[in-house]
């Protein structure tokens, strides 16, 4: 089985992983409903489902 010839130092390992971290999602404000939501996602406003400023489903209920 293949294995490294010598141990990688923790500094070298951590430098390589320096960009692997969680990022905050980009948020948008709907001009119609003034709701804050994630880009390219449908969002609920008073049990109505909106996408791109238009009502998609009226009286939408989340399934558990």
PDB file of N, CA and C in Angstrom:
ATOM      1  N   UNK A   1       0.844  -1.179   0.000  1.00  0.00           N
ATOM      2  CA  UNK A   1       0.000   0.000   0.000  1.00  0.00           C
ATOM      3  C   UNK A   1       0.890   1.243   0.000  1.00  0.00           C
ATOM      4  N   UNK A   2       0.507   2.254  -0.779  1.00  0.00           N
ATOM      5  CA  UNK A   2       1.309   3.463  -0.885  1.00  0.00           C
ATOM      6  C   UNK A   2       1.217   4.295   0.388  1.00  0.00           C
ATOM      7  N   UNK A   3       2.324   4.901   0.745  1.00  0.00           N
ATOM      8  CA  UNK A   3       2.351   5.784   1.909  1.00  0.00           C
ATOM      9  C   UNK A   3       3.411   6.862   1.669  1.00  0.00           C
ATOM     10  N   UNK A   4       3.284   8.019   2.334  1.00  0.00           N
ATOM     11  CA  UNK A   4       4.248   9.094   2.119  1.00  0.00           C
ATOM     12  C   UNK A   4       5.645   8.706   2.604  1.00  0.00           C
ATOM     13  N   UNK A   5       6.639   9.198   1.923  1.00  0.00           N
ATOM     14  CA  UNK A   5       8.013   8.864   2.292  1.00  0.00           C
ATOM     15  C   UNK A   5       8.397   9.485   3.622  1.00  0.00           C
ATOM     16  N   UNK A   6       7.898  10.731   3.878  1.00  0.00           N
ATOM     17  CA  UNK A   6       8.127  11.353   5.174  1.00  0.00           C
ATOM     18  C   UNK A   6       6.907  12.184   5.555  1.00  0.00           C
ATOM     19  N   UNK A   7       6.838  12.508   6.808  1.00  0.00           N
ATOM     20  CA  UNK A   7       5.672  13.202   7.346  1.00  0.00           C
ATOM     21  C   UNK A   7       5.607  14.640   6.844  1.00  0.00           C
ATOM     22  N   UNK A   8       4.380  15.084   6.453  1.00  0.00           N
ATOM     23  CA  UNK A   8       4.169  16.490   6.129  1.00  0.00           C
ATOM     24  C   UNK A   8       4.085  17.261   7.434  1.00  0.00           C
ATOM     25  N   UNK A   9       4.728  18.407   7.500  1.00  0.00           N
ATOM     26  CA  UNK A   9       4.656  19.217   8.719  1.00  0.00           C
ATOM     27  C   UNK A   9       3.239  19.780   8.865  1.00  0.00           C
ATOM     28  N   UNK A  10       2.863  20.099  10.093  1.00  0.00           N
ATOM     29  CA  UNK A  10       1.526  20.647  10.323  1.00  0.00           C
ATOM     30  C   UNK A  10       1.382  22.014   9.662  1.00  0.00           C
ATOM     31  N   UNK A  11       2.457  22.785   9.574  1.00  0.00           N
ATOM     32  CA  UNK A  11       2.392  24.094   8.930  1.00  0.00           C
ATOM     33  C   UNK A  11       2.078  23.937   7.444  1.00  0.00           C
ATOM     34  N   UNK A  12       2.723  22.989   6.789  1.00  0.00           N
ATOM     35  CA  UNK A  12       2.472  22.756   5.360  1.00  0.00           C
ATOM     36  C   UNK A  12       1.054  22.248   5.147  1.00  0.00           C
ATOM     37  N   UNK A  13       0.608  21.354   6.003  1.00  0.00           N
ATOM     38  CA  UNK A  13      -0.757  20.819   5.911  1.00  0.00           C
ATOM     39  C   UNK A  13      -1.784  21.935   6.103  1.00  0.00           C
ATOM     40  N   UNK A  14      -1.566  22.797   7.099  1.00  0.00           N
ATOM     41  CA  UNK A  14      -2.523  23.852   7.398  1.00  0.00           C
ATOM     42  C   UNK A  14      -2.532  24.935   6.318  1.00  0.00           C
ATOM     43  N   UNK A  15      -1.393  25.188   5.686  1.00  0.00           N
ATOM     44  CA  UNK A  15      -1.352  26.146   4.579  1.00  0.00           C
ATOM     45  C   UNK A  15      -2.208  25.643   3.418  1.00  0.00           C
ATOM     46  N   UNK A  16      -2.125  24.369   3.154  1.00  0.00           N
ATOM     47  CA  UNK A  16      -2.893  23.784   2.067  1.00  0.00           C
ATOM     48  C   UNK A  16      -4.390  23.887   2.349  1.00  0.00           C
ATOM     49  N   UNK A  17      -4.786  23.771   3.603  1.00  0.00           N
ATOM     50  CA  UNK A  17      -6.197  23.793   3.982  1.00  0.00           C
ATOM     51  C   UNK A  17      -6.697  25.184   4.357  1.00  0.00           C
ATOM     52  N   UNK A  18      -5.924  26.216   4.107  1.00  0.00           N
ATOM     53  CA  UNK A  18      -6.289  27.552   4.565  1.00  0.00           C
ATOM     54  C   UNK A  18      -7.541  28.087   3.893  1.00  0.00           C
ATOM     55  N   UNK A  19      -7.896  27.577   2.704  1.00  0.00           N
ATOM     56  CA  UNK A  19      -9.072  28.073   1.990  1.00  0.00           C
ATOM     57  C   UNK A  19     -10.294  27.197   2.212  1.00  0.00           C
ATOM     58  N   UNK A  20     -10.176  26.129   2.981  1.00  0.00           N
ATOM     59  CA  UNK A  20     -11.300  25.226   3.217  1.00  0.00           C
ATOM     60  C   UNK A  20     -12.054  25.673   4.456  1.00  0.00           C
ATOM     61  N   UNK A  21     -12.947  26.617   4.296  1.00  0.00           N
ATOM     62  CA  UNK A  21     -13.724  27.088   5.431  1.00  0.00           C
ATOM     63  C   UNK A  21     -15.117  27.472   4.943  1.00  0.00           C
ATOM     64  N   UNK A  22     -16.058  27.543   5.848  1.00  0.00           N
ATOM     65  CA  UNK A  22     -17.431  27.897   5.499  1.00  0.00           C
ATOM     66  C   UNK A  22     -17.522  29.382   5.169  1.00  0.00           C
ATOM     67  N   UNK A  23     -18.375  29.713   4.220  1.00  0.00           N
ATOM     68  CA  UNK A  23     -18.586  31.094   3.829  1.00  0.00           C
ATOM     69  C   UNK A  23     -20.041  31.468   4.061  1.00  0.00           C
ATOM     70  N   UNK A  24     -20.276  32.734   4.305  1.00  0.00           N
ATOM     71  CA  UNK A  24     -21.642  33.215   4.454  1.00  0.00           C
ATOM     72  C   UNK A  24     -22.312  33.209   3.076  1.00  0.00           C
ATOM     73  N   UNK A  25     -23.561  32.759   2.994  1.00  0.00           N
ATOM     74  CA  UNK A  25     -24.245  32.777   1.693  1.00  0.00           C
ATOM     75  C   UNK A  25     -24.570  34.205   1.268  1.00  0.00           C
ATOM     76  N   UNK A  26     -24.619  34.427  -0.035  1.00  0.00           N
ATOM     77  CA  UNK A  26     -24.957  35.736  -0.563  1.00  0.00           C
ATOM     78  C   UNK A  26     -26.464  35.944  -0.443  1.00  0.00           C
ATOM     79  N   UNK A  27     -26.860  37.068   0.122  1.00  0.00           N
ATOM     80  CA  UNK A  27     -28.273  37.348   0.349  1.00  0.00           C
ATOM     81  C   UNK A  27     -28.766  38.443  -0.584  1.00  0.00           C
ATOM     82  N   UNK A  28     -30.064  38.393  -0.880  1.00  0.00           N
ATOM     83  CA  UNK A  28     -30.695  39.400  -1.731  1.00  0.00           C
ATOM     84  C   UNK A  28     -31.965  39.884  -1.053  1.00  0.00           C
ATOM     85  N   UNK A  29     -32.442  41.050  -1.462  1.00  0.00           N
ATOM     86  CA  UNK A  29     -33.699  41.593  -0.961  1.00  0.00           C
ATOM     87  C   UNK A  29     -34.671  41.643  -2.129  1.00  0.00           C
ATOM     88  N   UNK A  30     -35.823  41.022  -1.957  1.00  0.00           N
ATOM     89  CA  UNK A  30     -36.848  40.998  -3.000  1.00  0.00           C
ATOM     90  C   UNK A  30     -37.460  42.392  -3.124  1.00  0.00           C
ATOM     91  N   UNK A  31     -37.519  42.957  -4.335  1.00  0.00           N
ATOM     92  CA  UNK A  31     -38.104  44.291  -4.492  1.00  0.00           C
ATOM     93  C   UNK A  31     -39.622  44.307  -4.310  1.00  0.00           C
ATOM     94  N   UNK A  32     -40.277  43.153  -4.460  1.00  0.00           N
ATOM     95  CA  UNK A  32     -41.731  43.079  -4.344  1.00  0.00           C
ATOM     96  C   UNK A  32     -42.156  42.911  -2.888  1.00  0.00           C
ATOM     97  N   UNK A  33     -41.547  41.929  -2.180  1.00  0.00           N
ATOM     98  CA  UNK A  33     -41.971  41.600  -0.818  1.00  0.00           C
ATOM     99  C   UNK A  33     -41.045  42.155   0.255  1.00  0.00           C
ATOM    100  N   UNK A  34     -39.898  42.690  -0.131  1.00  0.00           N
ATOM    101  CA  UNK A  34     -38.874  43.192   0.800  1.00  0.00           C
ATOM    102  C   UNK A  34     -38.376  42.120   1.759  1.00  0.00           C
ATOM    103  N   UNK A  35     -38.400  40.865   1.340  1.00  0.00           N
ATOM    104  CA  UNK A  35     -37.881  39.750   2.132  1.00  0.00           C
ATOM    105  C   UNK A  35     -36.415  39.528   1.792  1.00  0.00           C
ATOM    106  N   UNK A  36     -35.630  39.202   2.798  1.00  0.00           N
ATOM    107  CA  UNK A  36     -34.233  38.834   2.587  1.00  0.00           C
ATOM    108  C   UNK A  36     -34.200  37.333   2.338  1.00  0.00           C
ATOM    109  N   UNK A  37     -33.535  36.918   1.261  1.00  0.00           N
ATOM    110  CA  UNK A  37     -33.475  35.499   0.910  1.00  0.00           C
ATOM    111  C   UNK A  37     -32.156  35.207   0.217  1.00  0.00           C
ATOM    112  N   UNK A  38     -31.848  33.917   0.052  1.00  0.00           N
ATOM    113  CA  UNK A  38     -30.646  33.516  -0.670  1.00  0.00           C
ATOM    114  C   UNK A  38     -30.896  33.626  -2.166  1.00  0.00           C
ATOM    115  N   UNK A  39     -29.839  33.943  -2.915  1.00  0.00           N
ATOM    116  CA  UNK A  39     -29.945  34.023  -4.361  1.00  0.00           C
ATOM    117  C   UNK A  39     -30.346  32.669  -4.941  1.00  0.00           C
ATOM    118  N   UNK A  40     -31.156  32.682  -5.984  1.00  0.00           N
ATOM    119  CA  UNK A  40     -31.553  31.495  -6.744  1.00  0.00           C
ATOM    120  C   UNK A  40     -32.285  30.467  -5.889  1.00  0.00           C
ATOM    121  N   UNK A  41     -33.007  30.927  -4.867  1.00  0.00           N
ATOM    122  CA  UNK A  41     -33.789  30.029  -4.010  1.00  0.00           C
ATOM    123  C   UNK A  41     -35.191  30.597  -3.877  1.00  0.00           C
ATOM    124  N   UNK A  42     -36.182  29.711  -3.804  1.00  0.00           N
ATOM    125  CA  UNK A  42     -37.549  30.135  -3.515  1.00  0.00           C
ATOM    126  C   UNK A  42     -37.640  30.455  -2.027  1.00  0.00           C
ATOM    127  N   UNK A  43     -38.564  31.351  -1.651  1.00  0.00           N
ATOM    128  CA  UNK A  43     -38.670  31.760  -0.254  1.00  0.00           C
ATOM    129  C   UNK A  43     -40.135  31.954   0.107  1.00  0.00           C
ATOM    130  N   UNK A  44     -40.448  31.723   1.397  1.00  0.00           N
ATOM    131  CA  UNK A  44     -41.813  31.811   1.900  1.00  0.00           C
ATOM    132  C   UNK A  44     -42.126  33.203   2.429  1.00  0.00           C
ATOM    133  N   UNK A  45     -43.331  33.690   2.112  1.00  0.00           N
ATOM    134  CA  UNK A  45     -43.857  34.930   2.672  1.00  0.00           C
ATOM    135  C   UNK A  45     -45.331  34.662   2.956  1.00  0.00           C
ATOM    136  N   UNK A  46     -45.688  34.584   4.233  1.00  0.00           N
ATOM    137  CA  UNK A  46     -47.083  34.343   4.639  1.00  0.00           C
ATOM    138  C   UNK A  46     -47.681  33.123   3.929  1.00  0.00           C
ATOM    139  N   UNK A  47     -46.999  31.987   3.988  1.00  0.00           N
ATOM    140  CA  UNK A  47     -47.434  30.712   3.387  1.00  0.00           C
ATOM    141  C   UNK A  47     -47.593  30.771   1.869  1.00  0.00           C
ATOM    142  N   UNK A  48     -46.981  31.730   1.214  1.00  0.00           N
ATOM    143  CA  UNK A  48     -46.920  31.789  -0.245  1.00  0.00           C
ATOM    144  C   UNK A  48     -45.469  31.642  -0.654  1.00  0.00           C
ATOM    145  N   UNK A  49     -45.226  30.857  -1.681  1.00  0.00           N
ATOM    146  CA  UNK A  49     -43.869  30.600  -2.139  1.00  0.00           C
ATOM    147  C   UNK A  49     -43.546  31.539  -3.293  1.00  0.00           C
ATOM    148  N   UNK A  50     -42.472  32.312  -3.158  1.00  0.00           N
ATOM    149  CA  UNK A  50     -42.045  33.274  -4.175  1.00  0.00           C
ATOM    150  C   UNK A  50     -40.707  32.853  -4.758  1.00  0.00           C
ATOM    151  N   UNK A  51     -40.520  33.181  -6.043  1.00  0.00           N
ATOM    152  CA  UNK A  51     -39.227  32.995  -6.701  1.00  0.00           C
ATOM    153  C   UNK A  51     -39.083  34.092  -7.746  1.00  0.00           C
ATOM    154  N   UNK A  52     -37.984  34.815  -7.690  1.00  0.00           N
ATOM    155  CA  UNK A  52     -37.684  35.915  -8.611  1.00  0.00           C
ATOM    156  C   UNK A  52     -38.775  36.975  -8.598  1.00  0.00           C
ATOM    157  N   UNK A  53     -39.339  37.252  -7.411  1.00  0.00           N
ATOM    158  CA  UNK A  53     -40.324  38.314  -7.267  1.00  0.00           C
ATOM    159  C   UNK A  53     -41.727  37.939  -7.690  1.00  0.00           C
ATOM    160  N   UNK A  54     -41.952  36.673  -8.082  1.00  0.00           N
ATOM    161  CA  UNK A  54     -43.278  36.244  -8.515  1.00  0.00           C
ATOM    162  C   UNK A  54     -43.767  35.123  -7.615  1.00  0.00           C
ATOM    163  N   UNK A  55     -45.077  35.129  -7.331  1.00  0.00           N
ATOM    164  CA  UNK A  55     -45.650  34.063  -6.524  1.00  0.00           C
ATOM    165  C   UNK A  55     -45.712  32.792  -7.362  1.00  0.00           C
ATOM    166  N   UNK A  56     -45.126  31.719  -6.821  1.00  0.00           N
ATOM    167  CA  UNK A  56     -45.084  30.458  -7.535  1.00  0.00           C
ATOM    168  C   UNK A  56     -46.217  29.555  -7.056  1.00  0.00           C
ATOM    169  N   UNK A  57     -46.364  29.411  -5.739  1.00  0.00           N
ATOM    170  CA  UNK A  57     -47.397  28.563  -5.155  1.00  0.00           C
ATOM    171  C   UNK A  57     -48.096  29.343  -4.052  1.00  0.00           C
ATOM    172  N   UNK A  58     -49.402  29.433  -4.148  1.00  0.00           N
ATOM    173  CA  UNK A  58     -50.194  30.126  -3.128  1.00  0.00           C
ATOM    174  C   UNK A  58     -50.625  29.102  -2.090  1.00  0.00           C
ATOM    175  N   UNK A  59     -50.500  29.458  -0.793  1.00  0.00           N
ATOM    176  CA  UNK A  59     -50.891  28.561   0.289  1.00  0.00           C
ATOM    177  C   UNK A  59     -49.973  27.363   0.427  1.00  0.00           C
ATOM    178  N   UNK A  60     -48.690  27.568   0.237  1.00  0.00           N
ATOM    179  CA  UNK A  60     -47.701  26.487   0.315  1.00  0.00           C
ATOM    180  C   UNK A  60     -47.425  26.117   1.759  1.00  0.00           C
ATOM    181  N   UNK A  61     -47.405  24.817   2.061  1.00  0.00           N
ATOM    182  CA  UNK A  61     -47.070  24.341   3.400  1.00  0.00           C
ATOM    183  C   UNK A  61     -45.857  23.438   3.297  1.00  0.00           C
ATOM    184  N   UNK A  62     -44.903  23.638   4.191  1.00  0.00           N
ATOM    185  CA  UNK A  62     -43.703  22.809   4.214  1.00  0.00           C
ATOM    186  C   UNK A  62     -44.044  21.401   4.673  1.00  0.00           C
ATOM    187  N   UNK A  63     -43.479  20.404   4.040  1.00  0.00           N
ATOM    188  CA  UNK A  63     -43.639  19.027   4.503  1.00  0.00           C
ATOM    189  C   UNK A  63     -42.511  18.723   5.486  1.00  0.00           C
ATOM    190  N   UNK A  64     -42.800  17.919   6.482  1.00  0.00           N
ATOM    191  CA  UNK A  64     -41.809  17.638   7.523  1.00  0.00           C
ATOM    192  C   UNK A  64     -40.920  16.528   7.183  1.00  0.00           C
TER     193      UNK A  64
END
